[in-house]
Amino acid sequence: MELAYIPSPSRGVIHLGPIPLRGYAFCIIIGVFVAVWIGNRRWVARGGQAGTVADIAVWAVPFGLLGGRLYHVITDYELYFSEGRDWVDAFKIWEGGLGIWGAIALGAVGAWIGCRRRGIPLPAYADAIAPGIAVAQAIGRWGNWFNQELYGKPSDLPWALEITSSSDGRIPGTYQPTFLYESLWCVGVALLVIWADRRFKLGHGRAFALYVAAYCVGRFWIEYLRIDDAHHILGLRLNNWTALIVFVLAVVYIVMSAKKRPGREDVVEPGAAGGPAEDGARTDAAGETDEAEKTEAEKTEGVRSEAKDEAESAKKT
């Protein structure tokens, strides 16, 4: 008999009249807003303009949602296209099913489009938004709690997750709360990136690469605990292989980038108020003013010298 456990919500949707409020969607939306807020603060601290992160997010978020859904549907196609399944369910994103790998990949394409339109380097933007993405993932994982999905192996730990639903092959009982493990891990990743960025002045995409590498480490061991159906390759779940490959790529990028482009970008958004570009313009303007004052002083001194010479000549005469 379990003495303690984490209860699951009796339902994942609340209706306000005809309007359904779904816990999964609510967690995703809150995560996006928090990510933009954190990213905006970091962007402004780097010399960027307030509001730029949100403007680019208008491109990145829809692309990310599309990429996350595509990855899930492609890697778990049997849930939607096998016999007895309805392919229309592939469009029901509110019922859960977003692959972070696809979300980051296609979200980066959307961010690239937004950055290109603003004349901003994508790596600098990625560094600013990286901790926010990790926090958004931490919040978004609670959407799985609302849906009673993506839990781990049976467990009698005090923090085990109680599953009460018996639909879609679920067996009521207590299980490892992998959603909670990943949520806490993502919070740790966000704190790690913020600390490392302050300590080592990470730039040119290295803060983002650190986020990716750190997340992959956690995802690898958490994936081992999950018991939901998944494709296996050489005994490992598909997401284990993905985490391993992406981790290696992120580490390689950090090493190569540090050698080719050490340090951090001096300018992240040309022309931003209070940014390096404006500071440079102020310096140039101040220099021009000093030069003009110097020239005027030299002219005044010259006039005084000529007047003095004429006075001495008059005395001699």
Protein backbone atom coordinates (compact mmCIF):
# COMPACT_ATOMS: atom_id res chain seq x y z
CA MET A 1 0.00 0.00 0.00
CA GLU A 2 1.41 3.36 -1.03
CA LEU A 3 1.83 5.78 1.85
CA ALA A 4 2.35 8.79 -0.39
CA TYR A 5 2.19 9.65 -4.07
CA ILE A 6 1.64 12.51 -6.48
CA PRO A 7 -2.03 12.54 -7.48
CA SER A 8 -3.01 13.06 -11.11
CA PRO A 9 -5.77 15.52 -12.01
CA SER A 10 -9.14 13.90 -12.56
CA ARG A 11 -9.42 15.66 -15.90
CA GLY A 12 -7.16 17.72 -18.15
CA VAL A 13 -9.73 20.24 -19.33
CA ILE A 14 -12.01 22.76 -17.66
CA HIS A 15 -14.95 24.31 -19.52
CA LEU A 16 -15.84 27.96 -19.08
CA GLY A 17 -19.19 27.83 -20.81
CA PRO A 18 -18.46 26.74 -24.39
CA ILE A 19 -14.74 27.51 -24.05
CA PRO A 20 -12.48 24.57 -23.09
CA LEU A 21 -9.35 25.36 -21.08
CA ARG A 22 -6.93 22.48 -21.55
CA GLY A 23 -4.14 22.02 -19.05
CA TYR A 24 -1.64 20.89 -21.69
CA ALA A 25 -2.20 23.92 -23.90
CA PHE A 26 -2.21 26.23 -20.87
CA CYS A 27 1.23 24.98 -19.79
CA ILE A 28 2.63 25.50 -23.29
CA ILE A 29 1.27 29.05 -23.49
CA ILE A 30 2.58 30.01 -20.05
CA GLY A 31 5.97 28.53 -20.96
CA VAL A 32 6.17 30.62 -24.13
CA PHE A 33 5.39 33.85 -22.26
CA VAL A 34 7.97 33.10 -19.57
CA ALA A 35 10.61 32.25 -22.18
CA VAL A 36 10.01 35.54 -24.01
CA TRP A 37 10.15 37.48 -20.75
CA ILE A 38 13.46 35.92 -19.69
CA GLY A 39 14.87 36.26 -23.19
CA ASN A 40 13.88 39.93 -23.36
CA ARG A 41 15.67 40.74 -20.10
CA ARG A 42 18.82 38.99 -21.26
CA TRP A 43 18.65 40.63 -24.69
CA VAL A 44 18.35 44.12 -23.24
CA ALA A 45 21.23 43.37 -20.86
CA ARG A 46 23.35 42.48 -23.89
CA GLY A 47 22.59 45.85 -25.48
CA GLY A 48 19.56 44.87 -27.53
CA GLN A 49 16.25 46.65 -27.86
CA ALA A 50 13.26 45.76 -25.68
CA GLY A 51 10.59 43.96 -27.67
CA THR A 52 12.94 42.43 -30.22
CA VAL A 53 12.76 38.97 -28.62
CA ALA A 54 8.96 39.02 -28.77
CA ASP A 55 8.99 40.19 -32.40
CA ILE A 56 11.22 37.29 -33.43
CA ALA A 57 9.20 34.87 -31.27
CA VAL A 58 6.23 35.63 -33.52
CA TRP A 59 8.15 33.66 -36.16
CA ALA A 60 9.91 31.13 -33.92
CA VAL A 61 6.95 29.91 -31.85
CA PRO A 62 4.61 28.83 -34.71
CA PHE A 63 7.52 27.15 -36.50
CA GLY A 64 8.49 25.44 -33.24
CA LEU A 65 4.99 24.12 -32.61
CA LEU A 66 4.79 22.83 -36.15
CA GLY A 67 8.21 21.19 -35.91
CA GLY A 68 7.42 19.61 -32.55
CA ARG A 69 4.18 18.15 -33.84
CA LEU A 70 5.75 16.90 -37.07
CA TYR A 71 8.52 15.12 -35.17
CA HIS A 72 6.00 13.43 -32.89
CA VAL A 73 3.69 12.36 -35.70
CA ILE A 74 6.54 11.06 -37.87
CA THR A 75 8.25 9.10 -35.08
CA ASP A 76 4.94 7.77 -33.69
CA TYR A 77 3.04 7.48 -36.96
CA GLU A 78 1.32 4.27 -35.88
CA LEU A 79 -0.72 6.29 -33.38
CA TYR A 80 -2.43 8.10 -36.24
CA PHE A 81 -2.14 6.07 -39.42
CA SER A 82 -2.36 2.42 -38.37
CA GLU A 83 -5.51 0.33 -38.60
CA GLY A 84 -8.31 1.56 -36.38
CA ARG A 85 -6.73 4.98 -35.92
CA ASP A 86 -8.05 8.32 -37.16
CA TRP A 87 -5.46 10.41 -39.00
CA VAL A 88 -7.37 13.56 -38.06
CA ASP A 89 -6.05 13.08 -34.52
CA ALA A 90 -2.63 14.10 -35.81
CA PHE A 91 -3.89 17.69 -35.80
CA LYS A 92 -5.16 17.56 -32.21
CA ILE A 93 -2.09 19.12 -30.66
CA TRP A 94 -3.96 19.93 -27.44
CA GLU A 95 -4.15 16.23 -26.63
CA GLY A 96 -0.38 16.12 -26.27
CA GLY A 97 2.47 15.10 -28.51
CA LEU A 98 5.27 17.61 -29.16
CA GLY A 99 8.81 16.44 -29.87
CA ILE A 100 11.35 18.89 -28.47
CA TRP A 101 13.87 17.95 -31.15
CA GLY A 102 11.54 19.01 -33.95
CA ALA A 103 10.41 22.08 -32.01
CA ILE A 104 13.97 23.36 -31.60
CA ALA A 105 14.99 22.52 -35.17
CA LEU A 106 12.07 24.15 -36.95
CA GLY A 107 11.80 26.88 -34.31
CA ALA A 108 15.38 27.83 -35.19
CA VAL A 109 14.29 28.25 -38.81
CA GLY A 110 11.54 30.61 -37.70
CA ALA A 111 13.98 32.52 -35.48
CA TRP A 112 16.42 32.78 -38.39
CA ILE A 113 13.73 34.36 -40.54
CA GLY A 114 12.86 36.83 -37.79
CA CYS A 115 16.51 37.67 -37.10
CA ARG A 116 17.23 38.16 -40.79
CA ARG A 117 14.36 40.62 -41.09
CA ARG A 118 15.78 42.61 -38.17
CA GLY A 119 19.43 42.37 -39.19
CA ILE A 120 20.30 40.46 -36.02
CA PRO A 121 22.78 37.54 -35.71
CA LEU A 122 20.90 34.34 -34.92
CA PRO A 123 23.59 32.98 -32.51
CA ALA A 124 23.31 36.09 -30.31
CA TYR A 125 19.52 35.75 -30.19
CA ALA A 126 19.82 32.03 -29.40
CA ASP A 127 22.18 32.76 -26.49
CA ALA A 128 19.70 35.25 -25.02
CA ILE A 129 16.69 32.96 -25.28
CA ALA A 130 18.38 29.68 -24.23
CA PRO A 131 17.60 29.73 -20.47
CA GLY A 132 14.05 30.82 -21.24
CA ILE A 133 13.53 27.81 -23.50
CA ALA A 134 14.68 25.50 -20.71
CA VAL A 135 12.23 27.11 -18.27
CA ALA A 136 9.47 26.85 -20.87
CA GLN A 137 10.18 23.13 -21.16
CA ALA A 138 10.03 22.81 -17.37
CA ILE A 139 6.59 24.41 -17.35
CA GLY A 140 5.41 22.55 -20.44
CA ARG A 141 6.18 19.15 -18.91
CA TRP A 142 3.37 19.71 -16.43
CA GLY A 143 1.05 19.46 -19.41
CA ASN A 144 1.93 15.76 -19.45
CA TRP A 145 0.77 15.57 -15.85
CA PHE A 146 -2.62 16.95 -16.85
CA ASN A 147 -2.86 14.36 -19.63
CA GLN A 148 -1.58 11.48 -17.45
CA GLU A 149 1.09 10.57 -20.00
CA LEU A 150 4.83 9.97 -20.39
CA TYR A 151 5.32 8.43 -16.96
CA GLY A 152 7.98 5.87 -16.09
CA LYS A 153 8.24 2.42 -14.63
CA PRO A 154 6.04 1.21 -11.74
CA SER A 155 7.24 2.62 -8.44
CA ASP A 156 6.30 2.74 -4.76
CA LEU A 157 8.47 5.79 -3.99
CA PRO A 158 6.85 8.52 -1.88
CA TRP A 159 6.89 10.81 -4.91
CA ALA A 160 5.51 8.23 -7.34
CA LEU A 161 2.82 9.44 -9.75
CA GLU A 162 -0.65 7.98 -9.43
CA ILE A 163 -2.28 7.12 -12.74
CA THR A 164 -6.05 6.75 -12.52
CA SER A 165 -7.00 6.63 -16.19
CA SER A 166 -7.38 3.30 -17.96
CA SER A 167 -7.84 4.67 -21.48
CA ASP A 168 -5.34 4.17 -24.35
CA GLY A 169 -3.75 1.17 -22.69
CA ARG A 170 -3.03 2.82 -19.34
CA ILE A 171 -3.00 0.64 -16.23
CA PRO A 172 -3.96 2.46 -13.02
CA GLY A 173 -1.19 2.44 -10.44
CA THR A 174 1.82 4.43 -9.27
CA TYR A 175 4.77 5.12 -11.56
CA GLN A 176 8.02 7.07 -11.82
CA PRO A 177 7.06 10.74 -12.43
CA THR A 178 9.37 11.28 -15.39
CA PHE A 179 7.56 14.51 -16.25
CA LEU A 180 8.66 15.87 -12.85
CA TYR A 181 12.24 14.66 -13.29
CA GLU A 182 12.52 16.40 -16.63
CA SER A 183 10.85 19.55 -15.34
CA LEU A 184 13.34 19.84 -12.47
CA TRP A 185 16.24 18.98 -14.77
CA CYS A 186 15.26 21.78 -17.16
CA VAL A 187 15.19 24.29 -14.30
CA GLY A 188 18.72 23.16 -13.42
CA VAL A 189 19.78 23.55 -17.06
CA ALA A 190 18.46 27.12 -17.12
CA LEU A 191 20.39 28.00 -13.96
CA LEU A 192 23.54 26.36 -15.36
CA VAL A 193 23.38 28.38 -18.58
CA ILE A 194 22.79 31.65 -16.72
CA TRP A 195 25.73 30.97 -14.39
CA ALA A 196 28.09 29.85 -17.15
CA ASP A 197 27.14 32.82 -19.33
CA ARG A 198 27.97 35.26 -16.55
CA ARG A 199 31.14 33.43 -15.54
CA PHE A 200 32.62 32.80 -18.99
CA LYS A 201 30.91 35.48 -21.14
CA LEU A 202 29.59 32.94 -23.61
CA GLY A 203 28.85 34.25 -27.08
CA HIS A 204 28.32 33.29 -30.72
CA GLY A 205 25.77 30.60 -29.86
CA ARG A 206 27.76 28.84 -27.15
CA ALA A 207 25.23 29.54 -24.38
CA PHE A 208 22.56 27.94 -26.54
CA ALA A 209 24.81 24.98 -27.32
CA LEU A 210 25.44 24.51 -23.60
CA TYR A 211 21.68 24.41 -23.02
CA VAL A 212 21.30 21.78 -25.74
CA ALA A 213 24.15 19.62 -24.40
CA ALA A 214 22.95 19.82 -20.79
CA TYR A 215 19.37 19.00 -21.73
CA CYS A 216 20.49 15.97 -23.74
CA VAL A 217 22.31 14.54 -20.71
CA GLY A 218 19.13 14.65 -18.66
CA ARG A 219 16.90 13.45 -21.45
CA PHE A 220 19.13 10.41 -21.98
CA TRP A 221 18.74 8.99 -18.46
CA ILE A 222 15.12 10.06 -18.06
CA GLU A 223 14.26 8.30 -21.32
CA TYR A 224 15.47 5.04 -19.76
CA LEU A 225 12.73 5.27 -17.14
CA ARG A 226 9.85 5.71 -19.56
CA ILE A 227 7.65 2.78 -20.53
CA ASP A 228 5.53 4.32 -23.28
CA ASP A 229 5.82 2.70 -26.70
CA ALA A 230 8.84 3.84 -28.71
CA HIS A 231 10.95 2.73 -31.63
CA HIS A 232 14.20 0.99 -30.65
CA ILE A 233 17.52 0.90 -32.51
CA LEU A 234 20.21 -1.48 -31.25
CA GLY A 235 18.43 -1.77 -27.93
CA LEU A 236 18.10 1.98 -27.34
CA ARG A 237 14.99 4.08 -27.66
CA LEU A 238 14.96 6.49 -30.61
CA ASN A 239 15.07 9.52 -28.31
CA ASN A 240 18.16 8.09 -26.59
CA TRP A 241 19.96 8.02 -29.93
CA THR A 242 18.74 11.50 -30.77
CA ALA A 243 19.92 12.86 -27.42
CA LEU A 244 23.31 11.21 -27.85
CA ILE A 245 23.87 12.55 -31.38
CA VAL A 246 22.66 16.06 -30.57
CA PHE A 247 24.84 16.14 -27.44
CA VAL A 248 27.96 15.34 -29.46
CA LEU A 249 27.09 18.00 -32.05
CA ALA A 250 26.53 20.62 -29.34
CA VAL A 251 29.86 19.89 -27.63
CA VAL A 252 31.71 19.98 -30.95
CA TYR A 253 30.13 23.34 -31.72
CA ILE A 254 31.17 24.76 -28.33
CA VAL A 255 34.79 23.69 -28.83
CA MET A 256 35.10 24.83 -32.45
CA SER A 257 33.26 28.09 -31.88
CA ALA A 258 35.46 28.98 -28.91
CA LYS A 259 38.55 28.54 -31.09
CA LYS A 260 37.29 30.40 -34.15
CA ARG A 261 35.32 33.17 -32.44
CA PRO A 262 36.37 33.58 -28.82
CA GLY A 263 34.63 36.06 -26.59
CA ARG A 264 31.21 37.59 -27.05
CA GLU A 265 29.61 39.79 -29.69
CA ASP A 266 30.23 43.51 -29.18
CA VAL A 267 27.02 44.47 -30.98
CA VAL A 268 23.91 42.29 -30.93
CA GLU A 269 21.45 44.75 -32.44
CA PRO A 270 22.79 47.67 -34.49
CA GLY A 271 21.16 50.95 -33.60
CA ALA A 272 19.51 49.71 -30.41
CA ALA A 273 18.89 52.43 -27.82
CA GLY A 274 21.59 52.26 -25.18
CA GLY A 275 23.42 49.54 -27.08
CA PRO A 276 27.04 49.48 -28.21
CA ALA A 277 26.16 50.97 -31.59
CA GLU A 278 24.53 54.02 -30.01
CA ASP A 279 27.33 54.33 -27.50
CA GLY A 280 29.76 54.40 -30.38
CA ALA A 281 27.73 57.06 -32.13
CA ARG A 282 27.71 59.14 -28.97
CA THR A 283 31.45 58.78 -28.67
CA ASP A 284 31.94 59.87 -32.28
CA ALA A 285 29.64 62.83 -31.78
CA ALA A 286 31.47 63.80 -28.62
CA GLY A 287 34.77 63.52 -30.48
CA GLU A 288 33.53 65.75 -33.27
CA THR A 289 32.33 68.31 -30.72
CA ASP A 290 35.71 68.31 -28.95
CA GLU A 291 37.47 68.72 -32.29
CA ALA A 292 35.25 71.66 -33.22
CA GLU A 293 35.86 73.32 -29.86
CA LYS A 294 39.59 72.79 -30.27
CA THR A 295 39.59 74.35 -33.74
CA GLU A 296 37.58 77.35 -32.50
CA ALA A 297 40.01 77.83 -29.62
CA GLU A 298 42.96 77.74 -32.02
CA LYS A 299 41.32 80.39 -34.22
CA THR A 300 40.68 82.61 -31.19
CA GLU A 301 44.28 82.21 -30.04
CA GLY A 302 45.49 83.08 -33.54
CA VAL A 303 43.48 86.32 -33.59
CA ARG A 304 44.83 87.32 -30.20
CA SER A 305 48.41 86.65 -31.33
CA GLU A 306 47.99 88.80 -34.46
CA ALA A 307 46.52 91.64 -32.41
CA LYS A 308 49.46 91.48 -30.00
CA ASP A 309 51.99 91.60 -32.86
CA GLU A 310 50.30 94.65 -34.36
CA ALA A 311 50.34 96.43 -31.00
CA GLU A 312 54.08 95.81 -30.55
CA SER A 313 54.78 97.06 -34.08
CA ALA A 314 52.85 100.26 -33.37
CA LYS A 315 54.92 100.93 -30.25
CA LYS A 316 58.19 100.56 -32.14
CA THR A 317 57.00 102.95 -34.83
